[in-house]
Protein backbone atom coordinates (compact mmCIF):
# COMPACT_ATOMS: atom_id res chain seq x y z
CA MET A 1 179.08 14.17 12.84
CA THR A 2 177.15 12.08 14.78
CA GLY A 3 174.24 12.50 17.37
CA THR A 4 171.04 11.39 18.58
CA VAL A 5 166.88 11.25 17.35
CA LEU A 6 165.70 13.72 19.74
CA GLU A 7 162.51 13.82 17.72
CA TRP A 8 160.73 12.18 14.51
CA PHE A 9 157.35 12.45 12.66
CA ALA A 10 156.77 9.35 10.38
CA LEU A 11 153.90 10.72 9.08
CA PRO A 12 155.50 13.62 6.72
CA GLY A 13 159.10 12.41 7.37
CA TYR A 14 160.92 14.56 9.47
CA GLY A 15 162.45 14.94 12.28
CA ARG A 16 165.51 17.01 14.59
CA ILE A 17 169.02 15.51 15.79
CA LEU A 18 171.02 16.82 17.84
CA ALA A 19 174.83 16.78 17.28
CA ASP A 20 177.47 15.42 20.23
CA ALA A 21 178.66 19.30 19.72
CA GLY A 22 175.04 20.19 20.83
CA GLU A 23 173.84 22.03 17.68
CA ARG A 24 169.95 20.64 15.93
CA PHE A 25 169.14 20.16 13.08
CA PHE A 26 166.53 19.50 10.95
CA VAL A 27 167.31 15.71 8.76
CA HIS A 28 163.63 15.20 5.95
CA ARG A 29 163.58 11.40 5.15
CA THR A 30 165.19 11.99 2.12
CA ALA A 31 168.52 12.39 3.59
CA LEU A 32 168.33 8.38 4.90
CA GLN A 33 170.41 6.14 3.97
CA GLY A 34 169.42 2.20 4.73
CA THR A 35 165.39 3.45 6.15
CA ARG A 36 163.03 5.38 5.64
CA ASP A 37 161.89 6.25 9.41
CA LEU A 38 163.82 7.04 12.72
CA SER A 39 163.48 6.18 15.96
CA VAL A 40 163.92 8.46 19.10
CA GLY A 41 167.24 7.96 20.73
CA SER A 42 168.51 6.19 17.60
CA ARG A 43 171.71 7.42 16.82
CA VAL A 44 173.21 8.61 13.69
CA ASP A 45 175.38 9.62 11.96
CA PHE A 46 175.57 12.26 9.12
CA ILE A 47 176.89 15.16 6.99
CA ALA A 48 176.31 18.29 8.37
CA TYR A 49 174.87 21.28 6.11
CA ARG A 50 173.88 25.28 6.32
CA GLY A 51 170.68 25.76 4.66
CA PRO A 52 169.24 28.93 3.41
CA ARG A 53 166.12 27.57 6.05
CA GLY A 54 168.76 26.91 8.90
CA PRO A 55 171.32 23.39 9.91
CA ARG A 56 169.84 20.44 8.04
CA ALA A 57 171.45 16.14 8.39
CA GLU A 58 171.93 14.70 5.33
CA GLY A 59 173.02 11.58 4.62
CA CYS A 60 172.58 10.16 7.40
CA ARG A 61 172.14 6.38 8.59
CA VAL A 62 171.73 4.84 11.64
CA ILE A 63 174.88 3.50 13.93
CA ALA A 64 172.73 2.01 16.51
CA PRO A 65 169.31 1.94 17.69
CA ALA A 66 167.14 3.37 19.95
CA PRO A 67 167.64 1.78 23.33
CA LEU A 68 164.54 -0.27 24.01
CA VAL A 69 162.52 0.71 27.72
CA GLN A 70 160.78 -1.51 30.09
CA ALA A 71 157.49 -0.23 31.55
CA THR A 72 157.20 -0.71 35.08
CA GLU A 73 154.10 -0.67 36.81
CA ALA A 74 154.31 1.50 39.94
CA SER A 75 155.31 -1.69 42.05
CA GLY A 76 158.69 -1.96 39.97
CA ALA A 77 157.26 -5.28 38.54
CA PRO A 78 157.53 -5.09 34.94
CA ALA A 79 154.12 -4.28 32.69
CA CYS A 80 152.96 -5.75 30.11
CA TRP A 81 152.72 -3.56 26.59
CA ALA A 82 149.41 -2.31 26.20
CA ARG A 83 147.78 -2.64 22.53
CA SER A 84 144.90 -0.47 21.62
């Protein structure tokens, strides 16, 4: 099954995937293959399971990274990336 990462919380290591069919799946860091973290907007391939607490993803691997978004100023000119 394929889908898109909706949200990812790096510190606790879990998030949600929206499957192409429209269903949402929980994913934990232990279910990832080839990476330890995900990025919002990444396309992923995974195996869907029905767990006792709801739908979850296993064997999750990234098939396309999240698209890059360029920040722009109000004038439309590219803005510099801000660092804190």
